[in-house]
Amino acid sequence: MPRKLAKPEDQMKRQLIANIQYEAEIRSIDREGQALVAHCSEGTYRKRIKDPGTFTVEELSRLANKFGIPIQSLFKARVVADE
C-alpha cells in the first residue's frame, strides 16, 4: 500500500516544533523554561509540543520574543549548510 503524502499543515507543524527546539537548544532553555516563557504549565506545554496546532498566538509570540526572533521565523524552514 502506498504511503500517504504528508499534508502541508503537518509539515508546517513539524517545522514549528523543530524551530522551537532549535532556538531553545542554542540558548540552553529546557522544557520547564520554555513553559515558563509561554506562561503555561509543563503539562500544557508538553501537550502543545505533541499537537502544535494548539499553541496560541500569544504563546508563540512570547517564545519568539525570548528567542529574539520574529514570530514568522518559527514557521520558516532552515537551510543547513554542509561543512
N, C-alpha and C. Protein backbone atom coordinates (compact mmCIF):
# COMPACT_ATOMS: atom_id res chain seq x y z
N MET A 1 0.84 -1.17 0.00
CA MET A 1 0.00 0.00 0.00
C MET A 1 0.90 1.24 0.00
N PRO A 2 0.65 2.18 -0.90
CA PRO A 2 1.48 3.38 -0.96
C PRO A 2 1.30 4.26 0.28
N ARG A 3 2.38 4.95 0.62
CA ARG A 3 2.32 5.87 1.76
C ARG A 3 1.51 7.10 1.41
N LYS A 4 0.83 7.60 2.42
CA LYS A 4 0.08 8.85 2.24
C LYS A 4 1.06 10.01 2.19
N LEU A 5 0.78 10.95 1.34
CA LEU A 5 1.60 12.15 1.29
C LEU A 5 1.27 13.02 2.51
N ALA A 6 2.29 13.62 3.07
CA ALA A 6 2.09 14.48 4.23
C ALA A 6 1.32 15.73 3.81
N LYS A 7 0.39 16.12 4.66
CA LYS A 7 -0.36 17.34 4.41
C LYS A 7 0.56 18.54 4.65
N PRO A 8 0.35 19.63 3.93
CA PRO A 8 1.19 20.82 4.14
C PRO A 8 1.15 21.32 5.58
N GLU A 9 -0.02 21.21 6.24
CA GLU A 9 -0.09 21.69 7.63
C GLU A 9 0.69 20.78 8.57
N ASP A 10 0.80 19.48 8.24
CA ASP A 10 1.62 18.59 9.06
C ASP A 10 3.09 18.98 8.96
N GLN A 11 3.52 19.30 7.76
CA GLN A 11 4.91 19.73 7.57
C GLN A 11 5.17 21.04 8.31
N MET A 12 4.21 21.96 8.28
CA MET A 12 4.38 23.23 8.97
C MET A 12 4.47 23.01 10.48
N LYS A 13 3.66 22.08 11.01
CA LYS A 13 3.70 21.79 12.44
C LYS A 13 5.04 21.19 12.84
N ARG A 14 5.56 20.27 12.02
CA ARG A 14 6.88 19.69 12.31
C ARG A 14 7.96 20.76 12.27
N GLN A 15 7.84 21.68 11.30
CA GLN A 15 8.82 22.76 11.18
C GLN A 15 8.77 23.68 12.39
N LEU A 16 7.56 23.99 12.87
CA LEU A 16 7.39 24.83 14.04
C LEU A 16 8.08 24.21 15.26
N ILE A 17 7.82 22.94 15.50
CA ILE A 17 8.43 22.26 16.65
C ILE A 17 9.94 22.20 16.50
N ALA A 18 10.42 21.89 15.29
CA ALA A 18 11.86 21.83 15.06
C ALA A 18 12.52 23.18 15.34
N ASN A 19 11.89 24.27 14.90
CA ASN A 19 12.46 25.60 15.14
C ASN A 19 12.43 25.98 16.61
N ILE A 20 11.35 25.66 17.31
CA ILE A 20 11.30 25.94 18.74
C ILE A 20 12.39 25.17 19.47
N GLN A 21 12.54 23.88 19.14
CA GLN A 21 13.56 23.07 19.80
C GLN A 21 14.96 23.58 19.48
N TYR A 22 15.19 23.98 18.23
CA TYR A 22 16.50 24.50 17.83
C TYR A 22 16.83 25.79 18.58
N GLU A 23 15.89 26.73 18.57
CA GLU A 23 16.14 28.02 19.24
C GLU A 23 16.35 27.82 20.74
N ALA A 24 15.57 26.93 21.35
CA ALA A 24 15.71 26.68 22.78
C ALA A 24 17.05 26.01 23.08
N GLU A 25 17.45 25.09 22.22
CA GLU A 25 18.71 24.36 22.45
C GLU A 25 19.92 25.28 22.36
N ILE A 26 19.95 26.16 21.36
CA ILE A 26 21.12 27.03 21.24
C ILE A 26 21.18 28.07 22.36
N ARG A 27 20.06 28.28 23.04
CA ARG A 27 20.02 29.22 24.17
C ARG A 27 19.97 28.50 25.52
N SER A 28 20.08 27.18 25.49
CA SER A 28 20.08 26.34 26.71
C SER A 28 18.82 26.57 27.56
N ILE A 29 17.68 26.60 26.92
CA ILE A 29 16.41 26.74 27.63
C ILE A 29 15.73 25.38 27.64
N ASP A 30 15.54 24.82 28.82
CA ASP A 30 14.91 23.49 28.92
C ASP A 30 13.39 23.61 28.79
N ARG A 31 12.72 22.46 28.81
CA ARG A 31 11.26 22.44 28.64
C ARG A 31 10.57 23.25 29.74
N GLU A 32 11.07 23.14 30.96
CA GLU A 32 10.47 23.89 32.06
C GLU A 32 10.58 25.39 31.79
N GLY A 33 11.74 25.82 31.33
CA GLY A 33 11.95 27.22 31.00
C GLY A 33 11.07 27.68 29.85
N GLN A 34 10.90 26.82 28.85
CA GLN A 34 10.04 27.15 27.72
C GLN A 34 8.59 27.32 28.18
N ALA A 35 8.16 26.44 29.08
CA ALA A 35 6.80 26.54 29.62
C ALA A 35 6.62 27.84 30.39
N LEU A 36 7.64 28.23 31.16
CA LEU A 36 7.57 29.49 31.90
C LEU A 36 7.45 30.68 30.96
N VAL A 37 8.24 30.66 29.89
CA VAL A 37 8.20 31.74 28.91
C VAL A 37 6.82 31.82 28.26
N ALA A 38 6.24 30.66 27.95
CA ALA A 38 4.93 30.62 27.29
C ALA A 38 3.78 30.89 28.26
N HIS A 39 4.09 31.00 29.55
CA HIS A 39 3.09 31.25 30.60
C HIS A 39 2.07 30.13 30.68
N CYS A 40 2.56 28.88 30.68
CA CYS A 40 1.66 27.73 30.85
C CYS A 40 2.38 26.67 31.69
N SER A 41 1.63 25.68 32.14
CA SER A 41 2.23 24.63 32.95
C SER A 41 3.06 23.71 32.05
N GLU A 42 3.92 22.91 32.68
CA GLU A 42 4.74 21.98 31.90
C GLU A 42 3.87 20.96 31.18
N GLY A 43 2.80 20.51 31.83
CA GLY A 43 1.89 19.55 31.21
C GLY A 43 1.22 20.12 29.98
N THR A 44 0.77 21.36 30.09
CA THR A 44 0.13 22.03 28.95
C THR A 44 1.15 22.22 27.83
N TYR A 45 2.36 22.60 28.19
CA TYR A 45 3.40 22.82 27.17
C TYR A 45 3.71 21.51 26.46
N ARG A 46 3.76 20.41 27.20
CA ARG A 46 4.01 19.10 26.61
C ARG A 46 2.92 18.76 25.59
N LYS A 47 1.66 19.08 25.94
CA LYS A 47 0.55 18.84 25.01
C LYS A 47 0.69 19.71 23.77
N ARG A 48 1.14 20.94 23.95
CA ARG A 48 1.33 21.85 22.81
C ARG A 48 2.40 21.30 21.86
N ILE A 49 3.46 20.74 22.43
CA ILE A 49 4.54 20.18 21.61
C ILE A 49 4.03 18.96 20.84
N LYS A 50 3.20 18.15 21.49
CA LYS A 50 2.64 16.97 20.80
C LYS A 50 1.67 17.36 19.70
N ASP A 51 0.91 18.42 19.92
CA ASP A 51 -0.03 18.91 18.91
C ASP A 51 0.17 20.42 18.76
N PRO A 52 1.11 20.83 17.91
CA PRO A 52 1.46 22.25 17.79
C PRO A 52 0.33 23.15 17.31
N GLY A 53 -0.72 22.56 16.76
CA GLY A 53 -1.87 23.36 16.33
C GLY A 53 -2.61 23.98 17.49
N THR A 54 -2.31 23.54 18.71
CA THR A 54 -2.99 24.06 19.89
C THR A 54 -2.26 25.26 20.52
N PHE A 55 -1.06 25.59 20.01
CA PHE A 55 -0.36 26.78 20.51
C PHE A 55 -1.21 28.01 20.22
N THR A 56 -1.25 28.95 21.15
CA THR A 56 -1.92 30.22 20.90
C THR A 56 -0.91 31.19 20.30
N VAL A 57 -1.42 32.20 19.64
CA VAL A 57 -0.54 33.22 19.07
C VAL A 57 0.27 33.89 20.17
N GLU A 58 -0.36 34.12 21.31
CA GLU A 58 0.34 34.76 22.44
C GLU A 58 1.51 33.90 22.92
N GLU A 59 1.31 32.59 23.03
CA GLU A 59 2.40 31.70 23.47
C GLU A 59 3.54 31.71 22.47
N LEU A 60 3.22 31.64 21.18
CA LEU A 60 4.27 31.67 20.17
C LEU A 60 4.98 33.02 20.15
N SER A 61 4.23 34.07 20.38
CA SER A 61 4.81 35.41 20.43
C SER A 61 5.79 35.54 21.60
N ARG A 62 5.42 35.00 22.74
CA ARG A 62 6.32 35.05 23.91
C ARG A 62 7.60 34.26 23.65
N LEU A 63 7.45 33.08 23.04
CA LEU A 63 8.64 32.28 22.73
C LEU A 63 9.54 33.02 21.74
N ALA A 64 8.95 33.58 20.69
CA ALA A 64 9.74 34.30 19.69
C ALA A 64 10.46 35.49 20.31
N ASN A 65 9.78 36.22 21.20
CA ASN A 65 10.41 37.35 21.87
C ASN A 65 11.59 36.89 22.73
N LYS A 66 11.43 35.78 23.43
CA LYS A 66 12.51 35.25 24.26
C LYS A 66 13.70 34.84 23.40
N PHE A 67 13.40 34.26 22.22
CA PHE A 67 14.46 33.84 21.32
C PHE A 67 15.07 35.01 20.55
N GLY A 68 14.42 36.17 20.58
CA GLY A 68 14.93 37.35 19.88
C GLY A 68 14.75 37.26 18.38
N ILE A 69 13.68 36.60 17.95
CA ILE A 69 13.42 36.45 16.52
C ILE A 69 11.97 36.85 16.23
N PRO A 70 11.67 37.22 14.99
CA PRO A 70 10.26 37.49 14.65
C PRO A 70 9.46 36.19 14.69
N ILE A 71 8.20 36.29 15.01
CA ILE A 71 7.35 35.10 15.14
C ILE A 71 7.29 34.32 13.82
N GLN A 72 7.40 35.01 12.70
CA GLN A 72 7.35 34.34 11.40
C GLN A 72 8.50 33.35 11.23
N SER A 73 9.62 33.62 11.88
CA SER A 73 10.79 32.74 11.76
C SER A 73 10.55 31.37 12.37
N LEU A 74 9.58 31.28 13.27
CA LEU A 74 9.27 29.97 13.85
C LEU A 74 8.65 29.03 12.83
N PHE A 75 8.11 29.57 11.75
CA PHE A 75 7.43 28.76 10.74
C PHE A 75 8.27 28.52 9.49
N LYS A 76 9.45 29.14 9.41
CA LYS A 76 10.26 29.04 8.20
C LYS A 76 11.22 27.85 8.28
N ALA A 77 11.46 27.25 7.14
CA ALA A 77 12.43 26.15 7.07
C ALA A 77 13.84 26.74 7.13
N ARG A 78 14.70 26.04 7.84
CA ARG A 78 16.09 26.49 7.96
C ARG A 78 16.94 25.81 6.90
N VAL A 79 17.91 26.54 6.39
CA VAL A 79 18.84 25.98 5.43
C VAL A 79 20.06 25.48 6.20
N VAL A 80 20.37 24.23 6.01
CA VAL A 80 21.51 23.63 6.70
C VAL A 80 22.65 23.52 5.71
N ALA A 81 23.80 24.10 6.08
CA ALA A 81 24.97 24.06 5.21
C ALA A 81 25.90 22.95 5.65
N ASP A 82 26.41 22.20 4.69
CA ASP A 82 27.39 21.15 4.99
C ASP A 82 28.76 21.80 5.10
N GLU A 83 29.52 21.35 6.10
CA GLU A 83 30.86 21.91 6.27
C GLU A 83 31.90 20.92 5.88
